[in-house]
Amino acid sequence: MNTIQLIKKRYDLLFPDDVITPQLVAKMEQQLQLQLPDDFKEIALFFNGGLIGGISIFSYDHYTPNIIEETLRLRKDIQFPHSLLFLAEPAGSMIVLDTAQTPAVIWCDSIDVHQLHDRSFQIAPDTWHTFGDFFEYLLTQEEAEQE
């Protein structure tokens, strides 16, 4: 059993009914004109955004706010780098997925949003090498909250 399958098994114990389709994942790639990492696509088949580990991840589908709308809004408003996917906006910060380089997930302070293009952050962000690593972190946080 690979890492994503183990993560899915743990997730299903907490949220058994959260499913989306591969077509929705393909639609995200098409609308955002980027190639999502394989681990993101695999996790997206059982996690549709929402609250996990104390973080509200934007929805992957028609709910508002959703990842597609929020990413396109930032591209227009602040010249958000095309390789980034806007995942969440916790108070005073933002979480993004970089589809082109690692670390893939960056949780930075709001004041550093304009430094995402060159990663010259004023405040060191929290980072995860892959989306799978980040999701596992959130899942561990959720499990601890539910104990």
Protein backbone atom coordinates (compact mmCIF):
# COMPACT_ATOMS: atom_id res chain seq x y z
CA MET A 1 0.00 0.00 0.00
CA ASN A 2 1.49 3.37 -1.05
CA THR A 3 1.54 6.54 1.03
CA ILE A 4 -1.52 8.12 -0.60
CA GLN A 5 -3.53 4.94 -0.06
CA LEU A 6 -2.58 4.98 3.62
CA ILE A 7 -3.54 8.65 3.87
CA LYS A 8 -6.88 7.91 2.18
CA LYS A 9 -7.57 5.08 4.60
CA ARG A 10 -6.97 7.40 7.57
CA TYR A 11 -9.06 10.15 5.97
CA ASP A 12 -11.97 7.78 5.24
CA LEU A 13 -12.16 6.92 8.94
CA LEU A 14 -12.80 10.60 9.69
CA PHE A 15 -14.83 11.63 6.61
CA PRO A 16 -16.32 8.61 4.81
CA ASP A 17 -18.54 10.44 2.28
CA ASP A 18 -16.30 13.08 0.72
CA VAL A 19 -15.77 12.11 -2.95
CA ILE A 20 -15.20 14.01 -6.22
CA THR A 21 -14.62 12.83 -9.77
CA PRO A 22 -11.49 12.67 -11.95
CA GLN A 23 -13.39 14.91 -14.40
CA LEU A 24 -13.50 17.70 -11.82
CA VAL A 25 -9.76 17.41 -11.27
CA ALA A 26 -9.19 17.58 -15.05
CA LYS A 27 -11.49 20.64 -15.20
CA MET A 28 -9.33 22.36 -12.57
CA GLU A 29 -6.21 21.75 -14.66
CA GLN A 30 -7.95 23.00 -17.80
CA GLN A 31 -9.40 26.14 -16.26
CA LEU A 32 -6.17 27.05 -14.49
CA GLN A 33 -3.96 25.94 -17.41
CA LEU A 34 -1.52 24.07 -15.24
CA GLN A 35 -0.51 20.49 -14.48
CA LEU A 36 -1.41 19.47 -10.95
CA PRO A 37 0.99 17.16 -9.09
CA ASP A 38 -0.03 13.50 -9.03
CA ASP A 39 -0.36 13.41 -5.24
CA PHE A 40 -2.73 16.40 -5.34
CA LYS A 41 -4.86 14.67 -8.00
CA GLU A 42 -4.99 11.42 -6.03
CA ILE A 43 -5.95 13.16 -2.80
CA ALA A 44 -8.52 15.31 -4.63
CA LEU A 45 -10.42 12.12 -5.48
CA PHE A 46 -11.34 11.74 -1.81
CA PHE A 47 -10.87 15.25 -0.36
CA ASN A 48 -13.04 18.04 -1.76
CA GLY A 49 -11.71 20.87 0.31
CA GLY A 50 -13.18 22.03 3.59
CA LEU A 51 -12.10 22.13 7.20
CA ILE A 52 -9.35 19.68 8.17
CA GLY A 53 -6.74 20.00 10.88
CA GLY A 54 -8.07 23.44 11.79
CA ILE A 55 -7.51 24.82 8.28
CA SER A 56 -10.32 25.60 5.85
CA ILE A 57 -9.05 24.54 2.41
CA PHE A 58 -10.99 26.11 -0.46
CA SER A 59 -13.50 23.82 -2.14
CA TYR A 60 -12.45 22.03 -5.33
CA ASP A 61 -15.86 22.35 -6.94
CA HIS A 62 -18.81 24.76 -7.18
CA TYR A 63 -18.85 25.91 -3.55
CA THR A 64 -17.67 29.45 -2.93
CA PRO A 65 -14.95 30.28 -2.29
CA ASN A 66 -13.33 27.65 -4.45
CA ILE A 67 -9.75 27.02 -5.53
CA ILE A 68 -10.35 27.90 -9.19
CA GLU A 69 -12.10 31.22 -8.53
CA GLU A 70 -9.65 32.27 -5.82
CA THR A 71 -6.57 31.39 -7.88
CA LEU A 72 -7.91 33.26 -10.93
CA ARG A 73 -8.82 36.26 -8.75
CA LEU A 74 -5.28 36.49 -7.39
CA ARG A 75 -3.77 36.11 -10.86
CA LYS A 76 -5.79 39.11 -11.96
CA ASP A 77 -5.44 41.24 -8.81
CA ILE A 78 -1.81 40.78 -7.79
CA GLN A 79 -0.02 39.07 -10.68
CA PHE A 80 -0.11 35.76 -8.76
CA PRO A 81 2.42 33.38 -10.35
CA HIS A 82 0.77 31.07 -12.90
CA SER A 83 2.32 27.93 -11.36
CA LEU A 84 0.62 28.54 -7.98
CA LEU A 85 -2.70 27.24 -6.72
CA PHE A 86 -4.32 29.23 -3.89
CA LEU A 87 -5.34 26.61 -1.30
CA ALA A 88 -6.39 28.52 1.82
CA GLU A 89 -6.35 31.85 3.60
CA PRO A 90 -5.95 31.36 7.35
CA ALA A 91 -5.97 34.60 9.35
CA GLY A 92 -3.08 36.83 8.32
CA SER A 93 -1.57 34.25 5.97
CA MET A 94 -2.05 32.21 2.82
CA ILE A 95 -1.32 28.64 1.77
CA VAL A 96 -0.35 27.91 -1.83
CA LEU A 97 0.63 24.88 -3.88
CA ASP A 98 3.50 25.42 -6.30
CA THR A 99 2.98 23.08 -9.26
CA ALA A 100 6.42 23.77 -10.71
CA GLN A 101 8.95 23.44 -7.89
CA THR A 102 9.55 22.27 -4.35
CA PRO A 103 8.84 22.80 -1.62
CA ALA A 104 5.41 22.46 -3.17
CA VAL A 105 3.28 23.80 -0.32
CA ILE A 106 4.08 27.19 1.16
CA TRP A 107 2.25 28.70 4.13
CA CYS A 108 3.39 32.30 4.23
CA ASP A 109 2.46 35.49 6.02
CA SER A 110 0.13 37.80 4.07
CA ILE A 111 2.82 40.47 3.83
CA ASP A 112 4.89 38.05 1.74
CA VAL A 113 2.28 37.36 -0.94
CA HIS A 114 4.22 39.51 -3.43
CA GLN A 115 7.40 37.55 -2.68
CA LEU A 116 5.94 34.24 -3.85
CA HIS A 117 7.37 34.71 -7.35
CA ASP A 118 10.97 34.72 -6.11
CA ARG A 119 10.50 33.35 -2.58
CA SER A 120 12.32 36.26 -0.95
CA PHE A 121 10.15 36.13 2.17
CA GLN A 122 10.47 38.60 5.03
CA ILE A 123 9.15 35.97 7.44
CA ALA A 124 10.23 32.36 6.90
CA PRO A 125 7.18 30.36 5.74
CA ASP A 126 6.19 26.87 6.78
CA THR A 127 6.76 24.52 3.85
CA TRP A 128 6.11 20.93 2.85
CA HIS A 129 7.97 19.12 0.11
CA THR A 130 4.78 17.73 -1.47
CA PHE A 131 1.03 18.25 -1.24
CA GLY A 132 0.85 14.72 0.19
CA ASP A 133 3.17 15.76 3.04
CA PHE A 134 1.01 18.80 3.75
CA PHE A 135 -2.21 16.82 3.67
CA GLU A 136 -0.74 14.22 6.00
CA TYR A 137 0.19 17.04 8.40
CA LEU A 138 -3.43 18.31 8.32
CA LEU A 139 -4.77 14.79 8.78
CA THR A 140 -2.53 14.26 11.83
CA GLN A 141 -3.78 17.57 13.26
CA GLU A 142 -7.40 16.47 12.67
CA GLU A 143 -6.84 13.10 14.32
CA ALA A 144 -5.32 14.81 17.37
CA GLU A 145 -8.30 17.21 17.60
CA GLN A 146 -10.77 14.32 17.49
CA GLU A 147 -9.08 12.31 20.27
